[in-house]
Amino acid sequence: MTAGTAPGVLFLPSPLQEALIRHGEREAPREACGLLGGQKEGAFWKAEIYQESANLVAGAGAYQMDPLAVLALSRRLEKEGRAWLGIVHSHPQGPPLPSPKDREEAYYPEVLYVIVGFWPKIEIRAYFVQDKAWRSIPIKARS
């Protein structure tokens, strides 16, 4: 994939979707956070692993990943021939829509931002940020 090319779809297998949801449930009322790794094949991004991260923010309503965990996963992905696909976090009391803080802190344009919302129903959405515009990317359980 060339730099700046947006993904067309995120393949997120059901077991990984369940792992994201379970992590969010365990961390509530705080936001859960983690990273997705896998393969970028043109516009088709295939998630293969989810790595939970500690949320360094003590209260609810925000998240900050441990930079050492991010570095460790980056190295692991490189060693395994995988790509960093996305940053995952949960909204325990809200829908999977980017908050103003999410929009302000979207520092990595080369990855997806995956949000697990728990209200009014459990739902996972993925977004690609380009020129500060957030575009929803379809999620499919199978490739």
C-alpha atoms as a PDB file:
ATOM      1  CA  MET A   1       0.000   0.000   0.000  1.00  0.00           C
ATOM      2  CA  THR A   2       1.311   3.414  -0.822  1.00  0.00           C
ATOM      3  CA  ALA A   3       1.389   6.170   1.769  1.00  0.00           C
ATOM      4  CA  GLY A   4      -1.838   8.129   1.968  1.00  0.00           C
ATOM      5  CA  THR A   5      -3.989   5.464   0.254  1.00  0.00           C
ATOM      6  CA  ALA A   6      -7.144   4.858   2.238  1.00  0.00           C
ATOM      7  CA  PRO A   7      -8.314   1.362   3.091  1.00  0.00           C
ATOM      8  CA  GLY A   8     -11.609   0.268   1.568  1.00  0.00           C
ATOM      9  CA  VAL A   9     -12.534  -2.361   4.130  1.00  0.00           C
ATOM     10  CA  LEU A  10     -11.275  -3.759   7.434  1.00  0.00           C
ATOM     11  CA  PHE A  11     -11.564  -7.499   7.818  1.00  0.00           C
ATOM     12  CA  LEU A  12     -11.940  -8.024  11.573  1.00  0.00           C
ATOM     13  CA  PRO A  13     -12.619 -11.699  12.362  1.00  0.00           C
ATOM     14  CA  SER A  14     -15.357 -12.461  14.898  1.00  0.00           C
ATOM     15  CA  PRO A  15     -12.886 -13.723  17.558  1.00  0.00           C
ATOM     16  CA  LEU A  16     -11.027 -10.394  17.401  1.00  0.00           C
ATOM     17  CA  GLN A  17     -14.300  -8.457  17.563  1.00  0.00           C
ATOM     18  CA  GLU A  18     -15.205 -10.453  20.658  1.00  0.00           C
ATOM     19  CA  ALA A  19     -11.772  -9.727  22.187  1.00  0.00           C
ATOM     20  CA  LEU A  20     -12.264  -5.971  21.677  1.00  0.00           C
ATOM     21  CA  ILE A  21     -15.705  -6.119  23.291  1.00  0.00           C
ATOM     22  CA  ARG A  22     -14.528  -8.247  26.264  1.00  0.00           C
ATOM     23  CA  HIS A  23     -11.629  -5.852  26.862  1.00  0.00           C
ATOM     24  CA  GLY A  24     -14.004  -2.884  26.831  1.00  0.00           C
ATOM     25  CA  GLU A  25     -16.363  -4.611  29.258  1.00  0.00           C
ATOM     26  CA  ARG A  26     -13.512  -5.418  31.669  1.00  0.00           C
ATOM     27  CA  GLU A  27     -12.189  -1.858  31.688  1.00  0.00           C
ATOM     28  CA  ALA A  28     -15.538  -0.046  32.059  1.00  0.00           C
ATOM     29  CA  PRO A  29     -16.208   2.617  33.192  1.00  0.00           C
ATOM     30  CA  ARG A  30     -12.696   3.521  31.952  1.00  0.00           C
ATOM     31  CA  GLU A  31     -11.869   3.417  28.252  1.00  0.00           C
ATOM     32  CA  ALA A  32     -10.064   0.302  27.050  1.00  0.00           C
ATOM     33  CA  CYS A  33      -7.301   0.738  24.478  1.00  0.00           C
ATOM     34  CA  GLY A  34      -5.053  -1.390  22.317  1.00  0.00           C
ATOM     35  CA  LEU A  35      -3.589  -1.964  18.882  1.00  0.00           C
ATOM     36  CA  LEU A  36      -4.522  -4.026  15.833  1.00  0.00           C
ATOM     37  CA  GLY A  37      -1.944  -5.686  13.614  1.00  0.00           C
ATOM     38  CA  GLY A  38      -2.241  -7.640  10.403  1.00  0.00           C
ATOM     39  CA  GLN A  39      -1.851  -7.313   6.656  1.00  0.00           C
ATOM     40  CA  LYS A  40      -2.436  -4.393   4.294  1.00  0.00           C
ATOM     41  CA  GLU A  41      -3.262  -5.768   0.856  1.00  0.00           C
ATOM     42  CA  GLY A  42      -4.163  -2.729  -1.201  1.00  0.00           C
ATOM     43  CA  ALA A  43      -7.501  -1.420   0.026  1.00  0.00           C
ATOM     44  CA  PHE A  44      -8.121  -4.627   1.993  1.00  0.00           C
ATOM     45  CA  TRP A  45      -6.768  -4.552   5.542  1.00  0.00           C
ATOM     46  CA  LYS A  46      -6.920  -7.853   7.435  1.00  0.00           C
ATOM     47  CA  ALA A  47      -6.652  -7.787  11.225  1.00  0.00           C
ATOM     48  CA  GLU A  48      -4.820 -10.785  12.673  1.00  0.00           C
ATOM     49  CA  ILE A  49      -3.924  -9.771  16.219  1.00  0.00           C
ATOM     50  CA  TYR A  50      -5.200  -7.459  18.928  1.00  0.00           C
ATOM     51  CA  GLN A  51      -2.805  -6.331  21.642  1.00  0.00           C
ATOM     52  CA  GLU A  52      -4.388  -4.809  24.741  1.00  0.00           C
ATOM     53  CA  SER A  53      -2.600  -1.846  26.287  1.00  0.00           C
ATOM     54  CA  ALA A  54      -2.842  -0.353  29.734  1.00  0.00           C
ATOM     55  CA  ASN A  55      -4.750   2.922  29.819  1.00  0.00           C
ATOM     56  CA  LEU A  56      -2.512   5.408  31.608  1.00  0.00           C
ATOM     57  CA  VAL A  57      -5.435   7.789  32.252  1.00  0.00           C
ATOM     58  CA  ALA A  58      -6.897   7.130  35.705  1.00  0.00           C
ATOM     59  CA  GLY A  59     -10.394   8.503  35.111  1.00  0.00           C
ATOM     60  CA  ALA A  60     -13.176   7.842  32.633  1.00  0.00           C
ATOM     61  CA  GLY A  61     -13.597   9.594  29.293  1.00  0.00           C
ATOM     62  CA  ALA A  62     -10.059   9.384  27.896  1.00  0.00           C
ATOM     63  CA  TYR A  63      -7.232   7.017  27.104  1.00  0.00           C
ATOM     64  CA  GLN A  64      -3.485   7.104  26.694  1.00  0.00           C
ATOM     65  CA  MET A  65      -1.572   4.009  25.702  1.00  0.00           C
ATOM     66  CA  ASP A  66       1.681   3.039  27.318  1.00  0.00           C
ATOM     67  CA  PRO A  67       4.338   4.175  24.796  1.00  0.00           C
ATOM     68  CA  LEU A  68       6.503   1.158  25.683  1.00  0.00           C
ATOM     69  CA  ALA A  69       3.630  -1.181  24.792  1.00  0.00           C
ATOM     70  CA  VAL A  70       3.220   0.605  21.449  1.00  0.00           C
ATOM     71  CA  LEU A  71       6.950   0.268  20.759  1.00  0.00           C
ATOM     72  CA  ALA A  72       6.953  -3.417  21.752  1.00  0.00           C
ATOM     73  CA  LEU A  73       4.031  -4.198  19.450  1.00  0.00           C
ATOM     74  CA  SER A  74       5.644  -2.232  16.625  1.00  0.00           C
ATOM     75  CA  ARG A  75       8.769  -4.355  16.929  1.00  0.00           C
ATOM     76  CA  ARG A  76       6.755  -7.572  17.177  1.00  0.00           C
ATOM     77  CA  LEU A  77       4.741  -6.712  14.060  1.00  0.00           C
ATOM     78  CA  GLU A  78       7.880  -5.906  12.094  1.00  0.00           C
ATOM     79  CA  LYS A  79       9.518  -9.162  13.180  1.00  0.00           C
ATOM     80  CA  GLU A  80       6.416 -11.148  12.160  1.00  0.00           C
ATOM     81  CA  GLY A  81       6.017  -9.370   8.802  1.00  0.00           C
ATOM     82  CA  ARG A  82       2.789  -7.690   9.845  1.00  0.00           C
ATOM     83  CA  ALA A  83       1.626  -4.091   9.639  1.00  0.00           C
ATOM     84  CA  TRP A  84       0.209  -1.800  12.296  1.00  0.00           C
ATOM     85  CA  LEU A  85      -3.444  -1.457  11.259  1.00  0.00           C
ATOM     86  CA  GLY A  86      -5.171   0.503  13.968  1.00  0.00           C
ATOM     87  CA  ILE A  87      -5.596   2.086  17.338  1.00  0.00           C
ATOM     88  CA  VAL A  88      -8.538   0.709  19.291  1.00  0.00           C
ATOM     89  CA  HIS A  89     -10.378   2.300  22.181  1.00  0.00           C
ATOM     90  CA  SER A  90     -13.805   2.013  23.762  1.00  0.00           C
ATOM     91  CA  HIS A  91     -16.581   4.419  24.623  1.00  0.00           C
ATOM     92  CA  PRO A  92     -18.142   2.640  27.645  1.00  0.00           C
ATOM     93  CA  GLN A  93     -21.073   5.043  27.971  1.00  0.00           C
ATOM     94  CA  GLY A  94     -21.472   6.104  24.365  1.00  0.00           C
ATOM     95  CA  PRO A  95     -21.675   5.210  20.705  1.00  0.00           C
ATOM     96  CA  PRO A  96     -18.661   4.398  18.517  1.00  0.00           C
ATOM     97  CA  LEU A  97     -18.366   7.938  17.188  1.00  0.00           C
ATOM     98  CA  PRO A  98     -15.167  10.005  17.419  1.00  0.00           C
ATOM     99  CA  SER A  99     -15.280  12.489  20.279  1.00  0.00           C
ATOM    100  CA  PRO A 100     -13.763  15.975  20.017  1.00  0.00           C
ATOM    101  CA  LYS A 101     -10.765  14.630  21.975  1.00  0.00           C
ATOM    102  CA  ASP A 102     -10.439  11.670  19.570  1.00  0.00           C
ATOM    103  CA  ARG A 103     -10.438  14.089  16.637  1.00  0.00           C
ATOM    104  CA  GLU A 104      -7.879  16.347  18.291  1.00  0.00           C
ATOM    105  CA  GLU A 105      -5.503  13.486  19.124  1.00  0.00           C
ATOM    106  CA  ALA A 106      -5.561  11.568  15.801  1.00  0.00           C
ATOM    107  CA  TYR A 107      -1.800  11.743  15.295  1.00  0.00           C
ATOM    108  CA  TYR A 108      -1.321   8.674  13.063  1.00  0.00           C
ATOM    109  CA  PRO A 109      -2.815   9.113   9.575  1.00  0.00           C
ATOM    110  CA  GLU A 110      -1.439   5.776   8.377  1.00  0.00           C
ATOM    111  CA  VAL A 111      -3.653   3.668  10.672  1.00  0.00           C
ATOM    112  CA  LEU A 112      -7.330   3.181  11.400  1.00  0.00           C
ATOM    113  CA  TYR A 113      -9.060   4.416  14.527  1.00  0.00           C
ATOM    114  CA  VAL A 114     -11.355   1.661  15.785  1.00  0.00           C
ATOM    115  CA  ILE A 115     -13.960   2.574  18.391  1.00  0.00           C
ATOM    116  CA  VAL A 116     -16.030   0.092  20.397  1.00  0.00           C
ATOM    117  CA  GLY A 117     -19.252   1.748  21.581  1.00  0.00           C
ATOM    118  CA  PHE A 118     -21.444   0.305  24.317  1.00  0.00           C
ATOM    119  CA  TRP A 119     -24.481   2.585  24.148  1.00  0.00           C
ATOM    120  CA  PRO A 120     -27.194   2.372  22.975  1.00  0.00           C
ATOM    121  CA  LYS A 121     -25.913  -0.998  21.718  1.00  0.00           C
ATOM    122  CA  ILE A 122     -22.533  -2.693  21.379  1.00  0.00           C
ATOM    123  CA  GLU A 123     -21.061  -1.697  18.037  1.00  0.00           C
ATOM    124  CA  ILE A 124     -17.586  -1.474  16.491  1.00  0.00           C
ATOM    125  CA  ARG A 125     -16.705   1.136  13.875  1.00  0.00           C
ATOM    126  CA  ALA A 126     -13.470   1.921  12.052  1.00  0.00           C
ATOM    127  CA  TYR A 127     -12.356   5.299  10.731  1.00  0.00           C
ATOM    128  CA  PHE A 128      -9.578   6.492   8.462  1.00  0.00           C
ATOM    129  CA  VAL A 129      -8.396  10.064   9.009  1.00  0.00           C
ATOM    130  CA  GLN A 130      -7.156  12.018   6.026  1.00  0.00           C
ATOM    131  CA  ASP A 131      -6.629  15.804   6.116  1.00  0.00           C
ATOM    132  CA  LYS A 132      -8.493  15.864   9.466  1.00  0.00           C
ATOM    133  CA  ALA A 133     -11.596  14.333   7.853  1.00  0.00           C
ATOM    134  CA  TRP A 134     -12.841  11.132   9.508  1.00  0.00           C
ATOM    135  CA  ARG A 135     -14.207   8.589   7.018  1.00  0.00           C
ATOM    136  CA  SER A 136     -16.052   5.486   8.175  1.00  0.00           C
ATOM    137  CA  ILE A 137     -14.537   2.245   6.848  1.00  0.00           C
ATOM    138  CA  PRO A 138     -16.725  -0.870   6.548  1.00  0.00           C
ATOM    139  CA  ILE A 139     -15.900  -3.777   8.849  1.00  0.00           C
ATOM    140  CA  LYS A 140     -16.427  -7.347   7.701  1.00  0.00           C
ATOM    141  CA  ALA A 141     -15.918 -10.482   9.786  1.00  0.00           C
ATOM    142  CA  ARG A 142     -14.647 -12.530   6.807  1.00  0.00           C
ATOM    143  CA  SER A 143     -12.354 -11.833   3.878  1.00  0.00           C
END
